[in-house]
């Protein structure tokens, strides 16, 4: 979220005055949602559905799939791996707790770093070497001889 910090008006040298707005990045603190089982059961809607996939008649006729929707955050989680509704329900609540914990983790802002002078030199030398190799593949050498790979191909073909 960008928040205007200061407004600076530059002196009008022409007909139009210029306004510059500086903005500062504000890091929002993530909302805290409790991840214990009782809170999740209270704050989530539980839906059961018929899961698809292998598992036979038990899987295809019984509502074993579980979908949890966390009302405050809007996160949705499904679990259909097991043939049992009870096992899928446990897995879904574990996933929901994990997702909420990930969402609540405060991310450190990335510090921009500049490449060192030595790394710039290494990169440019590597590019120069690659360029020379590629040039040798396609051009005739200055002394008029063909590159080695073309000489070998000519020998094998004859």
N, C-alpha and C. Protein backbone atom coordinates (compact mmCIF):
# COMPACT_ATOMS: atom_id res chain seq x y z
N UNK A 1 0.85 -1.16 0.00
CA UNK A 1 0.00 0.00 0.00
C UNK A 1 0.90 1.23 0.00
N UNK A 2 0.64 2.17 -0.88
CA UNK A 2 1.43 3.39 -0.95
C UNK A 2 0.71 4.50 -0.20
N UNK A 3 1.44 5.20 0.66
CA UNK A 3 0.87 6.27 1.46
C UNK A 3 1.63 7.54 1.14
N UNK A 4 0.93 8.63 0.73
CA UNK A 4 1.64 9.87 0.45
C UNK A 4 2.29 10.41 1.72
N UNK A 5 3.58 10.77 1.62
CA UNK A 5 4.28 11.29 2.80
C UNK A 5 4.35 12.81 2.76
N UNK A 6 4.90 13.35 1.69
CA UNK A 6 5.04 14.80 1.61
C UNK A 6 4.62 15.26 0.23
N UNK A 7 4.17 16.46 0.17
CA UNK A 7 3.83 17.06 -1.11
C UNK A 7 4.73 18.27 -1.28
N UNK A 8 5.47 18.30 -2.38
CA UNK A 8 6.39 19.40 -2.62
C UNK A 8 5.95 20.14 -3.87
N UNK A 9 5.78 21.42 -3.73
CA UNK A 9 5.43 22.24 -4.90
C UNK A 9 6.68 22.95 -5.36
N UNK A 10 7.01 22.77 -6.63
CA UNK A 10 8.19 23.42 -7.19
C UNK A 10 7.78 24.81 -7.67
N UNK A 11 8.70 25.75 -7.63
CA UNK A 11 8.33 27.11 -8.07
C UNK A 11 7.91 27.11 -9.54
N UNK A 12 6.94 27.91 -9.84
CA UNK A 12 6.38 27.94 -11.19
C UNK A 12 7.28 28.77 -12.10
N UNK A 13 8.05 28.07 -12.93
CA UNK A 13 8.89 28.78 -13.90
C UNK A 13 8.14 28.93 -15.21
N UNK A 14 7.16 28.04 -15.42
CA UNK A 14 6.33 28.15 -16.61
C UNK A 14 4.91 28.44 -16.16
N UNK A 15 3.97 28.25 -17.07
CA UNK A 15 2.57 28.52 -16.75
C UNK A 15 2.01 27.52 -15.74
N UNK A 16 2.56 26.29 -15.72
CA UNK A 16 1.99 25.23 -14.89
C UNK A 16 2.95 24.94 -13.73
N UNK A 17 2.41 24.88 -12.54
CA UNK A 17 3.26 24.49 -11.41
C UNK A 17 3.26 22.97 -11.31
N UNK A 18 4.39 22.39 -10.91
CA UNK A 18 4.51 20.94 -10.83
C UNK A 18 4.39 20.51 -9.38
N UNK A 19 3.68 19.42 -9.17
CA UNK A 19 3.53 18.87 -7.83
C UNK A 19 4.14 17.47 -7.83
N UNK A 20 5.03 17.24 -6.88
CA UNK A 20 5.68 15.94 -6.77
C UNK A 20 5.22 15.29 -5.47
N UNK A 21 4.76 14.05 -5.56
CA UNK A 21 4.35 13.34 -4.37
C UNK A 21 5.30 12.18 -4.16
N UNK A 22 5.93 12.14 -3.00
CA UNK A 22 6.79 11.02 -2.66
C UNK A 22 5.95 10.01 -1.91
N UNK A 23 6.22 8.76 -2.16
CA UNK A 23 5.44 7.72 -1.49
C UNK A 23 6.39 6.74 -0.81
N UNK A 24 5.94 6.22 0.29
CA UNK A 24 6.75 5.26 1.04
C UNK A 24 5.97 3.97 1.13
N UNK A 25 6.67 2.85 0.96
CA UNK A 25 6.05 1.53 1.05
C UNK A 25 5.77 1.24 2.52
N UNK A 26 4.53 0.94 2.84
CA UNK A 26 4.14 0.60 4.20
C UNK A 26 3.85 -0.88 4.24
N UNK A 27 4.54 -1.60 5.10
CA UNK A 27 4.33 -3.04 5.21
C UNK A 27 3.19 -3.29 6.18
N UNK A 28 2.13 -3.89 5.66
CA UNK A 28 0.98 -4.19 6.50
C UNK A 28 1.30 -5.38 7.38
N UNK A 29 0.93 -5.27 8.61
CA UNK A 29 1.04 -6.43 9.49
C UNK A 29 -0.10 -7.37 9.13
N UNK A 30 0.19 -8.65 8.91
CA UNK A 30 -0.89 -9.56 8.56
C UNK A 30 -1.86 -9.74 9.72
N UNK A 31 -3.11 -9.99 9.38
CA UNK A 31 -4.09 -10.21 10.43
C UNK A 31 -3.78 -11.51 11.13
N UNK A 32 -4.02 -11.54 12.43
CA UNK A 32 -3.73 -12.75 13.19
C UNK A 32 -5.01 -13.57 13.31
N UNK A 33 -4.92 -14.82 12.86
CA UNK A 33 -6.03 -15.75 12.99
C UNK A 33 -5.56 -16.91 13.87
N UNK A 34 -6.33 -17.27 14.90
CA UNK A 34 -5.92 -18.40 15.73
C UNK A 34 -5.94 -19.70 14.92
N UNK A 35 -4.96 -20.56 15.17
CA UNK A 35 -4.85 -21.80 14.39
C UNK A 35 -5.12 -23.04 15.22
N UNK A 36 -5.63 -22.86 16.45
CA UNK A 36 -5.95 -24.06 17.22
C UNK A 36 -7.23 -24.69 16.67
N UNK A 37 -7.43 -25.96 16.97
CA UNK A 37 -8.51 -26.73 16.37
C UNK A 37 -9.90 -26.16 16.70
N UNK A 38 -10.12 -25.75 17.96
CA UNK A 38 -11.44 -25.23 18.34
C UNK A 38 -11.78 -23.96 17.55
N UNK A 39 -10.81 -23.05 17.42
CA UNK A 39 -11.06 -21.81 16.67
C UNK A 39 -11.33 -22.11 15.20
N UNK A 40 -10.56 -23.05 14.63
CA UNK A 40 -10.77 -23.39 13.23
C UNK A 40 -12.15 -23.99 13.00
N UNK A 41 -12.60 -24.86 13.90
CA UNK A 41 -13.93 -25.45 13.76
C UNK A 41 -15.01 -24.39 13.88
N UNK A 42 -14.78 -23.41 14.74
CA UNK A 42 -15.78 -22.35 14.95
C UNK A 42 -15.82 -21.39 13.75
N UNK A 43 -14.64 -21.08 13.16
CA UNK A 43 -14.56 -20.06 12.11
C UNK A 43 -14.66 -20.62 10.69
N UNK A 44 -14.76 -21.94 10.54
CA UNK A 44 -14.75 -22.53 9.20
C UNK A 44 -16.09 -23.18 8.87
N UNK A 45 -16.43 -23.12 7.57
CA UNK A 45 -17.58 -23.87 7.06
C UNK A 45 -17.06 -25.19 6.53
N UNK A 46 -17.71 -26.29 6.90
CA UNK A 46 -17.28 -27.62 6.46
C UNK A 46 -18.29 -28.13 5.44
N UNK A 47 -17.80 -28.54 4.28
CA UNK A 47 -18.65 -29.13 3.24
C UNK A 47 -18.13 -30.51 2.92
N UNK A 48 -19.04 -31.44 2.66
CA UNK A 48 -18.66 -32.78 2.26
C UNK A 48 -19.13 -33.00 0.83
N UNK A 49 -18.32 -33.69 0.04
CA UNK A 49 -18.68 -33.95 -1.35
C UNK A 49 -18.14 -35.29 -1.77
N UNK A 50 -18.66 -35.80 -2.88
CA UNK A 50 -18.21 -37.09 -3.38
C UNK A 50 -16.88 -36.88 -4.10
N UNK A 51 -15.85 -37.52 -3.57
CA UNK A 51 -14.52 -37.39 -4.15
C UNK A 51 -14.40 -38.32 -5.35
N UNK A 52 -13.54 -37.96 -6.30
CA UNK A 52 -13.36 -38.81 -7.47
C UNK A 52 -12.02 -39.51 -7.37
N UNK A 53 -11.79 -40.47 -8.26
CA UNK A 53 -10.52 -41.16 -8.30
C UNK A 53 -10.65 -42.60 -7.86
N UNK A 54 -9.51 -43.28 -7.69
CA UNK A 54 -9.55 -44.69 -7.32
C UNK A 54 -10.08 -44.88 -5.90
N UNK A 55 -10.65 -46.04 -5.64
CA UNK A 55 -11.17 -46.31 -4.30
C UNK A 55 -12.41 -47.16 -4.34
N UNK A 56 -12.92 -47.40 -5.53
CA UNK A 56 -14.05 -48.31 -5.67
C UNK A 56 -15.37 -47.69 -5.27
N UNK A 57 -16.31 -48.58 -4.96
CA UNK A 57 -17.68 -48.17 -4.69
C UNK A 57 -17.75 -47.27 -3.45
N UNK A 58 -16.94 -47.59 -2.44
CA UNK A 58 -16.98 -46.80 -1.21
C UNK A 58 -16.61 -45.34 -1.50
N UNK A 59 -15.62 -45.13 -2.35
CA UNK A 59 -15.16 -43.78 -2.66
C UNK A 59 -16.16 -43.07 -3.58
N UNK A 60 -16.77 -43.80 -4.50
CA UNK A 60 -17.61 -43.16 -5.51
C UNK A 60 -19.04 -42.88 -5.04
N UNK A 61 -19.51 -43.56 -4.00
CA UNK A 61 -20.90 -43.36 -3.57
C UNK A 61 -21.02 -42.56 -2.28
N UNK A 62 -19.94 -42.52 -1.50
CA UNK A 62 -20.00 -41.88 -0.20
C UNK A 62 -19.30 -40.52 -0.27
N UNK A 63 -19.83 -39.55 0.47
CA UNK A 63 -19.24 -38.21 0.47
C UNK A 63 -18.01 -38.20 1.38
N UNK A 64 -16.85 -38.55 0.81
CA UNK A 64 -15.64 -38.63 1.61
C UNK A 64 -14.77 -37.38 1.47
N UNK A 65 -14.97 -36.58 0.45
CA UNK A 65 -14.17 -35.37 0.26
C UNK A 65 -14.61 -34.30 1.24
N UNK A 66 -13.65 -33.53 1.77
CA UNK A 66 -13.94 -32.48 2.75
C UNK A 66 -13.39 -31.17 2.23
N UNK A 67 -14.20 -30.13 2.27
CA UNK A 67 -13.77 -28.78 1.89
C UNK A 67 -14.01 -27.86 3.08
N UNK A 68 -12.97 -27.14 3.48
CA UNK A 68 -13.08 -26.17 4.56
C UNK A 68 -12.93 -24.78 3.97
N UNK A 69 -13.79 -23.86 4.40
CA UNK A 69 -13.68 -22.46 3.98
C UNK A 69 -13.59 -21.63 5.25
N UNK A 70 -12.46 -20.97 5.44
CA UNK A 70 -12.25 -20.11 6.61
C UNK A 70 -12.95 -18.79 6.34
N UNK A 71 -14.02 -18.52 7.07
CA UNK A 71 -14.85 -17.33 6.81
C UNK A 71 -14.09 -16.01 6.95
N UNK A 72 -13.31 -15.80 8.01
CA UNK A 72 -12.65 -14.48 8.15
C UNK A 72 -11.64 -14.18 7.04
N UNK A 73 -10.88 -15.19 6.58
CA UNK A 73 -9.83 -14.92 5.60
C UNK A 73 -10.23 -15.31 4.18
N UNK A 74 -11.22 -16.20 4.02
CA UNK A 74 -11.65 -16.64 2.71
C UNK A 74 -10.80 -17.77 2.13
N UNK A 75 -9.90 -18.34 2.92
CA UNK A 75 -9.06 -19.43 2.44
C UNK A 75 -9.89 -20.70 2.33
N UNK A 76 -9.72 -21.43 1.23
CA UNK A 76 -10.43 -22.68 1.01
C UNK A 76 -9.42 -23.82 0.90
N UNK A 77 -9.71 -24.94 1.56
CA UNK A 77 -8.82 -26.10 1.58
C UNK A 77 -9.66 -27.34 1.34
N UNK A 78 -9.15 -28.27 0.51
CA UNK A 78 -9.86 -29.54 0.29
C UNK A 78 -8.95 -30.70 0.62
N UNK A 79 -9.57 -31.84 0.98
CA UNK A 79 -8.82 -33.06 1.24
C UNK A 79 -9.64 -34.22 0.69
N UNK A 80 -9.05 -34.97 -0.24
CA UNK A 80 -9.75 -36.11 -0.84
C UNK A 80 -8.85 -37.34 -0.94
N UNK A 81 -7.72 -37.34 -0.24
CA UNK A 81 -6.75 -38.42 -0.41
C UNK A 81 -7.23 -39.75 0.17
N UNK A 82 -7.89 -39.71 1.31
CA UNK A 82 -8.29 -40.93 2.01
C UNK A 82 -9.69 -41.37 1.60
N UNK A 83 -10.01 -42.64 1.90
CA UNK A 83 -11.35 -43.14 1.62
C UNK A 83 -12.31 -42.83 2.75
N UNK A 84 -11.77 -42.33 3.86
CA UNK A 84 -12.60 -42.07 5.04
C UNK A 84 -12.83 -40.56 5.18
N UNK A 85 -14.08 -40.19 5.45
CA UNK A 85 -14.42 -38.79 5.64
C UNK A 85 -13.72 -38.24 6.88
N UNK A 86 -13.65 -39.05 7.92
CA UNK A 86 -13.03 -38.61 9.17
C UNK A 86 -11.54 -38.28 8.96
N UNK A 87 -10.82 -39.17 8.24
CA UNK A 87 -9.39 -38.92 7.98
C UNK A 87 -9.21 -37.68 7.11
N UNK A 88 -10.06 -37.51 6.10
CA UNK A 88 -9.96 -36.33 5.24
C UNK A 88 -10.24 -35.05 6.02
N UNK A 89 -11.16 -35.13 6.97
CA UNK A 89 -11.49 -33.97 7.80
C UNK A 89 -10.27 -33.54 8.63
N UNK A 90 -9.58 -34.53 9.22
CA UNK A 90 -8.39 -34.22 10.02
C UNK A 90 -7.31 -33.58 9.15
N UNK A 91 -7.10 -34.15 7.96
CA UNK A 91 -6.09 -33.61 7.04
C UNK A 91 -6.45 -32.19 6.62
N UNK A 92 -7.73 -31.94 6.37
CA UNK A 92 -8.16 -30.60 5.95
C UNK A 92 -7.91 -29.57 7.05
N UNK A 93 -8.20 -29.93 8.31
CA UNK A 93 -7.96 -28.98 9.39
C UNK A 93 -6.46 -28.72 9.58
N UNK A 94 -5.62 -29.75 9.39
CA UNK A 94 -4.18 -29.54 9.48
C UNK A 94 -3.70 -28.60 8.37
N UNK A 95 -4.22 -28.80 7.17
CA UNK A 95 -3.83 -27.93 6.04
C UNK A 95 -4.27 -26.50 6.28
N UNK A 96 -5.48 -26.34 6.82
CA UNK A 96 -5.98 -24.99 7.07
C UNK A 96 -5.08 -24.28 8.08
N UNK A 97 -4.69 -24.98 9.15
CA UNK A 97 -3.81 -24.37 10.16
C UNK A 97 -2.48 -23.99 9.52
N UNK A 98 -1.96 -24.86 8.66
CA UNK A 98 -0.68 -24.59 8.00
C UNK A 98 -0.79 -23.37 7.08
N UNK A 99 -1.85 -23.28 6.31
CA UNK A 99 -2.04 -22.14 5.40
C UNK A 99 -2.16 -20.83 6.18
N UNK A 100 -2.90 -20.86 7.28
CA UNK A 100 -3.07 -19.64 8.07
C UNK A 100 -1.73 -19.21 8.68
N UNK A 101 -0.94 -20.19 9.15
CA UNK A 101 0.36 -19.85 9.71
C UNK A 101 1.28 -19.25 8.65
N UNK A 102 1.24 -19.79 7.43
CA UNK A 102 2.05 -19.23 6.34
C UNK A 102 1.64 -17.79 6.04
N UNK A 103 0.33 -17.57 6.05
CA UNK A 103 -0.19 -16.25 5.71
C UNK A 103 0.16 -15.22 6.78
N UNK A 104 0.25 -15.65 8.02
CA UNK A 104 0.50 -14.74 9.13
C UNK A 104 1.98 -14.46 9.34
N UNK A 105 2.85 -15.20 8.68
CA UNK A 105 4.28 -15.00 8.84
C UNK A 105 4.68 -13.65 8.25
N UNK A 106 5.43 -12.89 8.99
CA UNK A 106 5.88 -11.57 8.52
C UNK A 106 7.10 -11.78 7.63
N UNK A 107 7.01 -11.33 6.38
CA UNK A 107 8.10 -11.49 5.43
C UNK A 107 9.05 -10.32 5.56
N UNK A 108 10.34 -10.64 5.63
CA UNK A 108 11.33 -9.58 5.69
C UNK A 108 11.47 -8.96 4.31
N UNK A 109 11.53 -7.63 4.21
CA UNK A 109 11.71 -7.01 2.91
C UNK A 109 13.09 -7.35 2.35
N UNK A 110 13.16 -7.55 1.05
CA UNK A 110 14.41 -7.93 0.40
C UNK A 110 15.32 -6.71 0.31
N UNK A 111 16.59 -6.90 0.68
CA UNK A 111 17.56 -5.84 0.53
C UNK A 111 18.22 -5.97 -0.83
N UNK A 112 18.19 -4.92 -1.59
CA UNK A 112 18.79 -4.96 -2.92
C UNK A 112 20.30 -4.98 -2.79
N UNK A 113 20.95 -5.84 -3.55
CA UNK A 113 22.41 -5.92 -3.52
C UNK A 113 22.95 -5.67 -4.92
N UNK A 114 24.12 -5.08 -4.98
CA UNK A 114 24.76 -4.82 -6.27
C UNK A 114 25.82 -5.87 -6.50
N UNK A 115 26.02 -6.30 -7.76
CA UNK A 115 27.10 -7.26 -8.01
C UNK A 115 28.46 -6.60 -7.78
N UNK A 116 29.40 -7.39 -7.29
CA UNK A 116 30.74 -6.85 -7.03
C UNK A 116 31.46 -6.62 -8.36
N UNK A 117 32.53 -5.86 -8.29
CA UNK A 117 33.31 -5.57 -9.50
C UNK A 117 33.92 -6.86 -10.06
N UNK A 118 34.39 -7.73 -9.18
CA UNK A 118 34.99 -8.99 -9.63
C UNK A 118 33.95 -9.87 -10.33
N UNK A 119 32.73 -9.90 -9.83
CA UNK A 119 31.71 -10.73 -10.48
C UNK A 119 31.34 -10.16 -11.84
N UNK A 120 31.35 -8.83 -11.97
CA UNK A 120 31.08 -8.23 -13.28
C UNK A 120 32.16 -8.63 -14.29
N UNK A 121 33.42 -8.59 -13.85
CA UNK A 121 34.55 -8.95 -14.72
C UNK A 121 34.42 -10.42 -15.13
N UNK A 122 34.12 -11.30 -14.16
CA UNK A 122 33.97 -12.73 -14.47
C UNK A 122 32.86 -12.96 -15.48
N UNK A 123 31.74 -12.29 -15.30
CA UNK A 123 30.62 -12.46 -16.22
C UNK A 123 30.99 -12.00 -17.63
N UNK A 124 31.65 -10.86 -17.74
CA UNK A 124 32.03 -10.34 -19.05
C UNK A 124 33.06 -11.25 -19.73
N UNK A 125 34.00 -11.81 -18.94
CA UNK A 125 34.99 -12.73 -19.53
C UNK A 125 34.31 -14.01 -20.02
N UNK A 126 33.35 -14.51 -19.26
CA UNK A 126 32.64 -15.71 -19.68
C UNK A 126 31.86 -15.44 -20.96
N UNK A 127 31.25 -14.26 -21.07
CA UNK A 127 30.52 -13.91 -22.30
C UNK A 127 31.48 -13.82 -23.48
N UNK A 128 32.66 -13.25 -23.23
CA UNK A 128 33.64 -13.11 -24.30
C UNK A 128 34.10 -14.48 -24.79
N UNK A 129 34.37 -15.41 -23.83
CA UNK A 129 34.79 -16.77 -24.21
C UNK A 129 33.70 -17.47 -25.02
N UNK A 130 32.44 -17.36 -24.56
CA UNK A 130 31.32 -17.98 -25.29
C UNK A 130 31.20 -17.40 -26.69
N UNK A 131 31.36 -16.10 -26.79
CA UNK A 131 31.26 -15.45 -28.08
C UNK A 131 32.34 -15.95 -29.03
N UNK A 132 33.57 -16.10 -28.53
CA UNK A 132 34.66 -16.59 -29.38
C UNK A 132 34.38 -18.01 -29.85
N UNK A 133 33.90 -18.87 -28.93
CA UNK A 133 33.59 -20.25 -29.31
C UNK A 133 32.51 -20.30 -30.39
N UNK A 134 31.48 -19.50 -30.20
CA UNK A 134 30.39 -19.49 -31.19
C UNK A 134 30.89 -18.95 -32.53
N UNK A 135 31.77 -17.96 -32.48
CA UNK A 135 32.31 -17.41 -33.71
C UNK A 135 33.17 -18.42 -34.45
N UNK A 136 33.89 -19.25 -33.71
CA UNK A 136 34.72 -20.27 -34.35
C UNK A 136 33.89 -21.35 -35.01
N UNK A 137 32.68 -21.58 -34.50
CA UNK A 137 31.84 -22.63 -35.08
C UNK A 137 31.38 -22.27 -36.48
N UNK A 138 31.13 -21.00 -36.73
CA UNK A 138 30.45 -20.66 -37.97
C UNK A 138 31.33 -19.98 -39.02
N UNK A 139 32.42 -19.36 -38.63
CA UNK A 139 33.23 -18.61 -39.60
C UNK A 139 34.46 -19.37 -40.00
N UNK A 140 35.01 -19.00 -41.14
CA UNK A 140 36.32 -19.50 -41.54
C UNK A 140 37.37 -18.79 -40.70
N UNK A 141 38.44 -19.51 -40.40
CA UNK A 141 39.51 -18.85 -39.67
C UNK A 141 40.22 -17.87 -40.58
N UNK A 142 40.96 -16.94 -39.97
CA UNK A 142 41.62 -15.91 -40.75
C UNK A 142 42.68 -16.47 -41.70
N UNK A 143 43.29 -17.62 -41.35
CA UNK A 143 44.34 -18.17 -42.22
C UNK A 143 43.76 -18.95 -43.39
N UNK A 144 42.45 -18.95 -43.54
CA UNK A 144 41.83 -19.58 -44.70
C UNK A 144 41.45 -21.03 -44.51
N UNK A 145 41.80 -21.64 -43.38
CA UNK A 145 41.44 -23.03 -43.14
C UNK A 145 40.02 -23.14 -42.59
N UNK A 146 39.43 -24.29 -42.82
CA UNK A 146 38.09 -24.54 -42.28
C UNK A 146 38.19 -24.89 -40.79
N UNK A 147 37.14 -24.59 -40.02
CA UNK A 147 37.14 -25.00 -38.61
C UNK A 147 37.23 -26.52 -38.49
N UNK A 148 37.72 -27.01 -37.34
CA UNK A 148 37.98 -28.43 -37.15
C UNK A 148 36.75 -29.30 -37.34
N UNK A 149 35.59 -28.86 -36.84
CA UNK A 149 34.41 -29.72 -36.94
C UNK A 149 33.98 -29.90 -38.40
N UNK A 150 34.25 -28.90 -39.26
CA UNK A 150 33.90 -29.04 -40.67
C UNK A 150 34.92 -29.95 -41.37
N UNK A 151 36.20 -29.85 -40.96
CA UNK A 151 37.22 -30.73 -41.53
C UNK A 151 36.91 -32.20 -41.19
N UNK A 152 36.53 -32.46 -39.95
CA UNK A 152 36.20 -33.82 -39.54
C UNK A 152 35.00 -34.34 -40.32
N UNK A 153 33.99 -33.50 -40.49
CA UNK A 153 32.78 -33.92 -41.22
C UNK A 153 33.13 -34.22 -42.66
N UNK A 154 34.03 -33.44 -43.25
CA UNK A 154 34.42 -33.68 -44.65
C UNK A 154 35.18 -35.00 -44.78
N UNK A 155 36.02 -35.33 -43.78
CA UNK A 155 36.77 -36.58 -43.82
C UNK A 155 35.84 -37.77 -43.68
N UNK A 156 34.86 -37.68 -42.78
CA UNK A 156 33.93 -38.81 -42.54
C UNK A 156 33.02 -39.02 -43.75
N UNK A 157 32.67 -37.96 -44.43
CA UNK A 157 31.74 -38.05 -45.56
C UNK A 157 32.39 -38.63 -46.80
N UNK A 158 33.74 -38.52 -46.92
CA UNK A 158 34.38 -38.99 -48.15
C UNK A 158 34.87 -40.40 -48.08
